[in-house]
């Protein structure tokens, strides 16, 4: 029986930080500064994959890369 892989649409703060190569502390700072949008589901704070991609793309442009 094959296991079907489900595409992730969001990550916890720790997972999101790991996925973009920064510490969770740095990510919490970015969240507090309003640079990263989050979604709350009860007590969980989630960050969508689209938000992470957009943030990385914007940082790439800000830092002078195409």
C-alpha atoms as a PDB file:
ATOM      1  CA  UNK A   1       0.000   0.000   0.000  1.00  0.00           C
ATOM      2  CA  UNK A   2       1.398   3.384  -1.013  1.00  0.00           C
ATOM      3  CA  UNK A   3       1.436   6.257   1.397  1.00  0.00           C
ATOM      4  CA  UNK A   4      -0.045   9.427  -0.097  1.00  0.00           C
ATOM      5  CA  UNK A   5       1.957  12.549   0.675  1.00  0.00           C
ATOM      6  CA  UNK A   6      -0.087  15.561   1.726  1.00  0.00           C
ATOM      7  CA  UNK A   7       1.149  18.988   0.637  1.00  0.00           C
ATOM      8  CA  UNK A   8       1.748  21.251   3.618  1.00  0.00           C
ATOM      9  CA  UNK A   9       0.033  24.625   3.512  1.00  0.00           C
ATOM     10  CA  UNK A  10       1.305  25.907   6.850  1.00  0.00           C
ATOM     11  CA  UNK A  11       4.006  25.390   9.459  1.00  0.00           C
ATOM     12  CA  UNK A  12       4.437  25.996  13.157  1.00  0.00           C
ATOM     13  CA  UNK A  13       6.841  28.798  14.047  1.00  0.00           C
ATOM     14  CA  UNK A  14       9.634  26.303  14.777  1.00  0.00           C
ATOM     15  CA  UNK A  15       9.067  24.427  11.498  1.00  0.00           C
ATOM     16  CA  UNK A  16       8.833  27.669   9.502  1.00  0.00           C
ATOM     17  CA  UNK A  17      12.077  28.964  11.005  1.00  0.00           C
ATOM     18  CA  UNK A  18      13.858  25.720  10.150  1.00  0.00           C
ATOM     19  CA  UNK A  19      12.484  25.758   6.618  1.00  0.00           C
ATOM     20  CA  UNK A  20      13.967  29.201   5.867  1.00  0.00           C
ATOM     21  CA  UNK A  21      17.154  28.703   7.864  1.00  0.00           C
ATOM     22  CA  UNK A  22      16.689  31.122  10.759  1.00  0.00           C
ATOM     23  CA  UNK A  23      16.151  30.679  14.479  1.00  0.00           C
ATOM     24  CA  UNK A  24      12.656  30.583  15.914  1.00  0.00           C
ATOM     25  CA  UNK A  25      13.627  33.585  18.060  1.00  0.00           C
ATOM     26  CA  UNK A  26      14.432  35.607  14.927  1.00  0.00           C
ATOM     27  CA  UNK A  27      11.148  34.504  13.369  1.00  0.00           C
ATOM     28  CA  UNK A  28       9.195  35.585  16.467  1.00  0.00           C
ATOM     29  CA  UNK A  29      10.887  38.998  16.154  1.00  0.00           C
ATOM     30  CA  UNK A  30       9.810  39.260  12.506  1.00  0.00           C
ATOM     31  CA  UNK A  31       6.265  38.314  13.520  1.00  0.00           C
ATOM     32  CA  UNK A  32       6.185  40.980  16.252  1.00  0.00           C
ATOM     33  CA  UNK A  33       7.512  43.565  13.763  1.00  0.00           C
ATOM     34  CA  UNK A  34       4.649  42.711  11.389  1.00  0.00           C
ATOM     35  CA  UNK A  35       6.976  41.382   8.680  1.00  0.00           C
ATOM     36  CA  UNK A  36       5.549  37.853   8.789  1.00  0.00           C
ATOM     37  CA  UNK A  37       1.797  37.242   8.953  1.00  0.00           C
ATOM     38  CA  UNK A  38       0.468  34.409  11.080  1.00  0.00           C
ATOM     39  CA  UNK A  39      -2.761  32.514  11.548  1.00  0.00           C
ATOM     40  CA  UNK A  40      -4.020  31.325  14.930  1.00  0.00           C
ATOM     41  CA  UNK A  41      -5.877  28.062  15.313  1.00  0.00           C
ATOM     42  CA  UNK A  42      -6.812  27.877  18.976  1.00  0.00           C
ATOM     43  CA  UNK A  43      -3.417  28.077  20.723  1.00  0.00           C
ATOM     44  CA  UNK A  44      -1.308  27.221  17.664  1.00  0.00           C
ATOM     45  CA  UNK A  45       0.418  29.931  15.667  1.00  0.00           C
ATOM     46  CA  UNK A  46       0.798  28.917  12.022  1.00  0.00           C
ATOM     47  CA  UNK A  47       2.561  30.493   9.066  1.00  0.00           C
ATOM     48  CA  UNK A  48       1.420  29.677   5.553  1.00  0.00           C
ATOM     49  CA  UNK A  49       3.895  28.460   2.971  1.00  0.00           C
ATOM     50  CA  UNK A  50       2.766  31.323   0.701  1.00  0.00           C
ATOM     51  CA  UNK A  51       3.705  33.878   3.369  1.00  0.00           C
ATOM     52  CA  UNK A  52       7.152  32.299   3.767  1.00  0.00           C
ATOM     53  CA  UNK A  53       7.766  32.252   0.009  1.00  0.00           C
ATOM     54  CA  UNK A  54       6.649  35.874  -0.340  1.00  0.00           C
ATOM     55  CA  UNK A  55       8.887  36.947   2.545  1.00  0.00           C
ATOM     56  CA  UNK A  56      11.948  35.238   1.052  1.00  0.00           C
ATOM     57  CA  UNK A  57      11.190  36.687  -2.379  1.00  0.00           C
ATOM     58  CA  UNK A  58      10.842  40.205  -0.931  1.00  0.00           C
ATOM     59  CA  UNK A  59      14.082  39.854   1.051  1.00  0.00           C
ATOM     60  CA  UNK A  60      15.838  38.748  -2.104  1.00  0.00           C
ATOM     61  CA  UNK A  61      14.670  41.914  -3.890  1.00  0.00           C
ATOM     62  CA  UNK A  62      15.569  44.175  -0.941  1.00  0.00           C
ATOM     63  CA  UNK A  63      19.079  42.741  -0.772  1.00  0.00           C
ATOM     64  CA  UNK A  64      19.734  43.503  -4.427  1.00  0.00           C
ATOM     65  CA  UNK A  65      19.262  40.088  -5.994  1.00  0.00           C
ATOM     66  CA  UNK A  66      16.905  39.561  -8.933  1.00  0.00           C
END
